[in-house]
Amino acid sequence: MAKISKDMIISDLIQVDPNIVAILMRAGMHCIGCPSAQGESLEEACMVHGIDADLLTEQINDYLAQ
């Protein structure tokens, strides 16, 4: 089972499972294709968007555990 952490780069998360994009979009990250996503960690992006990084990490890992 794949597992992600909040210090992973967003583009790396998407390589783990492309369906993670839908989870990020639902959370309010609508700039998945922007250049920042190529070098920004999940935690950094959450901070910019006012999203709880721990909660989003948990949601993504719950999805990956299915």
C-alpha atoms as a PDB file:
ATOM      1  CA  MET A   1       0.000   0.000   0.000  1.00  0.00           C
ATOM      2  CA  ALA A   2       1.312   3.408  -0.946  1.00  0.00           C
ATOM      3  CA  LYS A   3       1.395   6.052   1.763  1.00  0.00           C
ATOM      4  CA  ILE A   4       2.090   9.740   1.444  1.00  0.00           C
ATOM      5  CA  SER A   5       3.386  12.374   3.829  1.00  0.00           C
ATOM      6  CA  LYS A   6       2.767  16.108   3.954  1.00  0.00           C
ATOM      7  CA  ASP A   7       6.389  16.854   3.080  1.00  0.00           C
ATOM      8  CA  MET A   8       6.042  15.187  -0.337  1.00  0.00           C
ATOM      9  CA  ILE A   9       6.029  17.357  -3.456  1.00  0.00           C
ATOM     10  CA  ILE A  10       2.581  17.621  -5.046  1.00  0.00           C
ATOM     11  CA  SER A  11       3.781  16.351  -8.421  1.00  0.00           C
ATOM     12  CA  ASP A  12       5.175  13.257  -6.632  1.00  0.00           C
ATOM     13  CA  LEU A  13       1.801  12.657  -4.953  1.00  0.00           C
ATOM     14  CA  ILE A  14       0.107  12.637  -8.331  1.00  0.00           C
ATOM     15  CA  GLN A  15       2.626  10.079  -9.579  1.00  0.00           C
ATOM     16  CA  VAL A  16       1.651   7.801  -6.677  1.00  0.00           C
ATOM     17  CA  ASP A  17      -1.975   7.885  -7.875  1.00  0.00           C
ATOM     18  CA  PRO A  18      -3.400  10.339 -10.416  1.00  0.00           C
ATOM     19  CA  ASN A  19      -6.783  10.176  -8.643  1.00  0.00           C
ATOM     20  CA  ILE A  20      -5.252  12.201  -5.790  1.00  0.00           C
ATOM     21  CA  VAL A  21      -5.886  15.251  -7.998  1.00  0.00           C
ATOM     22  CA  ALA A  22      -9.635  14.932  -7.306  1.00  0.00           C
ATOM     23  CA  ILE A  23      -9.004  14.894  -3.539  1.00  0.00           C
ATOM     24  CA  LEU A  24      -6.814  17.983  -3.778  1.00  0.00           C
ATOM     25  CA  MET A  25      -9.402  19.776  -5.921  1.00  0.00           C
ATOM     26  CA  ARG A  26     -12.206  18.960  -3.462  1.00  0.00           C
ATOM     27  CA  ALA A  27     -10.032  20.360  -0.648  1.00  0.00           C
ATOM     28  CA  GLY A  28      -9.726  23.673  -2.508  1.00  0.00           C
ATOM     29  CA  MET A  29      -6.441  23.295  -4.375  1.00  0.00           C
ATOM     30  CA  HIS A  30      -7.506  24.248  -7.871  1.00  0.00           C
ATOM     31  CA  CYS A  31      -4.021  25.084  -9.134  1.00  0.00           C
ATOM     32  CA  ILE A  32      -2.717  21.529  -9.500  1.00  0.00           C
ATOM     33  CA  GLY A  33      -1.274  22.293 -12.925  1.00  0.00           C
ATOM     34  CA  CYS A  34       0.487  25.501 -11.888  1.00  0.00           C
ATOM     35  CA  PRO A  35       4.287  25.629 -11.789  1.00  0.00           C
ATOM     36  CA  SER A  36       4.306  25.822  -7.980  1.00  0.00           C
ATOM     37  CA  ALA A  37       2.848  22.317  -7.801  1.00  0.00           C
ATOM     38  CA  GLN A  38       6.032  20.995  -9.376  1.00  0.00           C
ATOM     39  CA  GLY A  39       8.195  22.052  -6.448  1.00  0.00           C
ATOM     40  CA  GLU A  40       5.838  22.733  -3.546  1.00  0.00           C
ATOM     41  CA  SER A  41       5.204  20.238  -0.772  1.00  0.00           C
ATOM     42  CA  LEU A  42       1.687  19.291   0.240  1.00  0.00           C
ATOM     43  CA  GLU A  43       2.229  21.088   3.554  1.00  0.00           C
ATOM     44  CA  GLU A  44       3.388  24.294   1.820  1.00  0.00           C
ATOM     45  CA  ALA A  45       0.425  24.245  -0.552  1.00  0.00           C
ATOM     46  CA  CYS A  46      -1.965  23.664   2.331  1.00  0.00           C
ATOM     47  CA  MET A  47      -0.504  26.616   4.194  1.00  0.00           C
ATOM     48  CA  VAL A  48      -1.001  28.881   1.162  1.00  0.00           C
ATOM     49  CA  HIS A  49      -4.596  27.697   0.707  1.00  0.00           C
ATOM     50  CA  GLY A  50      -5.550  27.677   4.398  1.00  0.00           C
ATOM     51  CA  ILE A  51      -6.059  23.910   4.499  1.00  0.00           C
ATOM     52  CA  ASP A  52      -5.200  21.583   7.396  1.00  0.00           C
ATOM     53  CA  ALA A  53      -2.241  19.580   6.025  1.00  0.00           C
ATOM     54  CA  ASP A  54      -2.587  16.777   8.565  1.00  0.00           C
ATOM     55  CA  LEU A  55      -6.259  16.272   7.751  1.00  0.00           C
ATOM     56  CA  LEU A  56      -5.668  16.305   3.990  1.00  0.00           C
ATOM     57  CA  THR A  57      -2.761  13.864   4.354  1.00  0.00           C
ATOM     58  CA  GLU A  58      -5.035  11.562   6.358  1.00  0.00           C
ATOM     59  CA  GLN A  59      -7.771  11.794   3.719  1.00  0.00           C
ATOM     60  CA  ILE A  60      -5.341  10.930   0.919  1.00  0.00           C
ATOM     61  CA  ASN A  61      -3.890   7.996   2.874  1.00  0.00           C
ATOM     62  CA  ASP A  62      -7.422   6.742   3.658  1.00  0.00           C
ATOM     63  CA  TYR A  63      -8.154   6.795  -0.075  1.00  0.00           C
ATOM     64  CA  LEU A  64      -4.902   4.964  -0.869  1.00  0.00           C
ATOM     65  CA  ALA A  65      -5.681   2.295   1.749  1.00  0.00           C
ATOM     66  CA  GLN A  66      -8.890   1.316  -0.057  1.00  0.00           C
END
